[in-house]
């Protein structure tokens, strides 16, 4: 079975965020994995099960119900990274949009656009990996 540790270790190599920004508590890590799992299952349905779908989490054993191939793990963690990047974007806009004039932030819009771009890059990479998987799929 694919373990949470395997997913988390792969996520750490893909996400590119400073480790101080990443969740440390198991419960928050589980929530991030669960968010990635939901997106992954949606894409598995969309792409007619060309990648394994119907993933379920088991927090007790810290495993998924299915062993994912390396490409599927990469798809999964890119979706997790898009969720994390979106959460960081939301945090940034929630805090700084109110104080842009008071703090003299002149590049607020550029920073928002860069964060939106990061989110899209993770999503695009997941889609690219799925499409590459479909191209190599034999009927």
Protein backbone atom coordinates (compact mmCIF):
# COMPACT_ATOMS: atom_id res chain seq x y z
CA UNK A 1 0.00 0.00 0.00
CA UNK A 2 1.04 3.58 -0.55
CA UNK A 3 1.93 5.12 2.80
CA UNK A 4 1.42 8.65 4.02
CA UNK A 5 5.20 8.83 4.57
CA UNK A 6 5.81 8.03 0.91
CA UNK A 7 3.30 10.69 -0.13
CA UNK A 8 4.69 13.27 2.30
CA UNK A 9 8.32 12.68 1.32
CA UNK A 10 7.45 13.06 -2.35
CA UNK A 11 5.41 16.17 -1.56
CA UNK A 12 8.40 17.72 0.23
CA UNK A 13 10.55 17.30 -2.87
CA UNK A 14 7.87 18.69 -5.22
CA UNK A 15 6.30 21.59 -3.33
CA UNK A 16 9.35 23.86 -3.05
CA UNK A 17 8.12 25.66 0.05
CA UNK A 18 10.31 26.43 3.02
CA UNK A 19 9.86 23.68 5.61
CA UNK A 20 8.93 26.30 8.23
CA UNK A 21 5.75 27.02 6.24
CA UNK A 22 4.64 23.38 5.99
CA UNK A 23 2.31 21.72 8.49
CA UNK A 24 4.05 19.85 11.32
CA UNK A 25 1.06 18.28 13.06
CA UNK A 26 -0.19 14.92 11.80
CA UNK A 27 -3.79 16.14 11.75
CA UNK A 28 -2.92 19.02 9.39
CA UNK A 29 -0.79 16.76 7.19
CA UNK A 30 -3.72 14.33 7.00
CA UNK A 31 -6.03 17.17 5.94
CA UNK A 32 -3.63 18.17 3.18
CA UNK A 33 -3.39 14.56 1.99
CA UNK A 34 -7.19 14.30 2.12
CA UNK A 35 -7.53 17.44 -0.02
CA UNK A 36 -5.12 16.00 -2.58
CA UNK A 37 -7.02 12.72 -2.49
CA UNK A 38 -10.31 14.43 -3.32
CA UNK A 39 -8.82 16.23 -6.31
CA UNK A 40 -7.07 13.07 -7.46
CA UNK A 41 -10.30 11.04 -7.34
CA UNK A 42 -12.09 13.78 -9.31
CA UNK A 43 -9.43 13.68 -12.02
CA UNK A 44 -9.48 9.87 -12.07
CA UNK A 45 -13.22 10.05 -12.77
CA UNK A 46 -12.74 12.77 -15.39
CA UNK A 47 -10.09 10.78 -17.22
CA UNK A 48 -12.23 7.65 -17.25
CA UNK A 49 -10.14 5.77 -14.73
CA UNK A 50 -6.99 5.83 -16.87
CA UNK A 51 -5.32 6.38 -13.52
CA UNK A 52 -6.36 4.49 -10.42
CA UNK A 53 -9.28 6.14 -8.68
CA UNK A 54 -11.50 5.56 -5.68
CA UNK A 55 -8.63 6.20 -3.30
CA UNK A 56 -9.45 6.04 0.38
CA UNK A 57 -7.36 6.98 3.38
CA UNK A 58 -6.78 4.92 6.50
CA UNK A 59 -5.43 7.20 9.20
CA UNK A 60 -4.87 4.28 11.58
CA UNK A 61 -2.44 2.47 9.29
CA UNK A 62 -1.45 5.71 7.51
CA UNK A 63 -1.95 4.13 4.10
CA UNK A 64 -4.10 4.47 1.02
CA UNK A 65 -6.28 1.55 0.01
CA UNK A 66 -4.41 1.17 -3.31
CA UNK A 67 -0.73 1.02 -4.22
CA UNK A 68 -0.06 3.96 -6.55
CA UNK A 69 2.52 3.84 -9.32
CA UNK A 70 5.27 6.46 -9.25
CA UNK A 71 3.52 8.64 -11.83
CA UNK A 72 0.27 8.48 -9.88
CA UNK A 73 2.08 9.56 -6.71
CA UNK A 74 3.52 12.52 -8.62
CA UNK A 75 0.04 13.44 -9.84
CA UNK A 76 -1.28 13.14 -6.29
CA UNK A 77 1.42 15.31 -4.71
CA UNK A 78 1.17 17.98 -7.41
CA UNK A 79 -2.53 18.24 -6.55
CA UNK A 80 -1.63 18.44 -2.85
CA UNK A 81 0.88 21.17 -3.69
CA UNK A 82 -1.80 23.11 -5.59
CA UNK A 83 -4.01 22.96 -2.49
CA UNK A 84 -1.17 24.11 -0.27
CA UNK A 85 -0.24 26.92 -2.68
CA UNK A 86 -3.88 28.02 -2.81
CA UNK A 87 -4.03 28.05 0.99
CA UNK A 88 -0.86 30.18 1.12
CA UNK A 89 -2.35 32.51 -1.51
CA UNK A 90 -5.57 32.85 0.50
CA UNK A 91 -3.57 33.53 3.66
CA UNK A 92 -1.51 36.18 1.88
CA UNK A 93 -4.49 37.98 0.37
CA UNK A 94 -6.49 37.79 3.60
CA UNK A 95 -3.73 39.47 5.56
CA UNK A 96 -2.16 41.89 3.11
CA UNK A 97 -5.10 43.10 1.02
CA UNK A 98 -6.34 45.09 3.99
CA UNK A 99 -2.98 46.66 4.76
CA UNK A 100 -1.51 47.36 1.32
CA UNK A 101 -1.83 51.14 1.58
CA UNK A 102 -0.79 51.32 5.24
CA UNK A 103 2.32 49.19 4.70
CA UNK A 104 3.25 50.72 1.35
CA UNK A 105 3.31 47.38 -0.47
CA UNK A 106 3.73 48.48 -4.07
CA UNK A 107 3.91 45.07 -5.72
CA UNK A 108 0.88 43.44 -4.08
CA UNK A 109 -0.79 42.70 -7.42
CA UNK A 110 2.40 41.17 -8.83
CA UNK A 111 2.79 38.99 -5.76
CA UNK A 112 -0.80 37.80 -6.09
CA UNK A 113 -0.26 36.99 -9.77
CA UNK A 114 2.91 35.07 -8.98
CA UNK A 115 1.08 33.02 -6.35
CA UNK A 116 -1.77 32.32 -8.77
CA UNK A 117 0.80 31.21 -11.34
CA UNK A 118 2.33 28.78 -8.84
CA UNK A 119 -1.07 27.24 -8.15
CA UNK A 120 -1.69 26.84 -11.87
CA UNK A 121 1.75 25.30 -12.44
CA UNK A 122 1.03 22.51 -9.96
CA UNK A 123 -2.36 21.84 -11.57
CA UNK A 124 -0.86 21.90 -15.06
CA UNK A 125 1.86 19.45 -14.05
CA UNK A 126 -0.73 17.03 -12.66
CA UNK A 127 -2.72 17.28 -15.89
CA UNK A 128 0.40 16.83 -18.01
CA UNK A 129 1.33 13.70 -16.07
CA UNK A 130 -2.18 12.28 -16.55
CA UNK A 131 -2.16 13.04 -20.26
CA UNK A 132 1.29 11.44 -20.62
CA UNK A 133 -0.11 8.40 -18.82
CA UNK A 134 -3.08 8.30 -21.20
CA UNK A 135 -0.77 8.58 -24.24
CA UNK A 136 1.13 5.52 -23.03
CA UNK A 137 -2.04 3.59 -22.13
CA UNK A 138 -2.56 0.47 -24.18
CA UNK A 139 -6.11 -0.64 -25.00
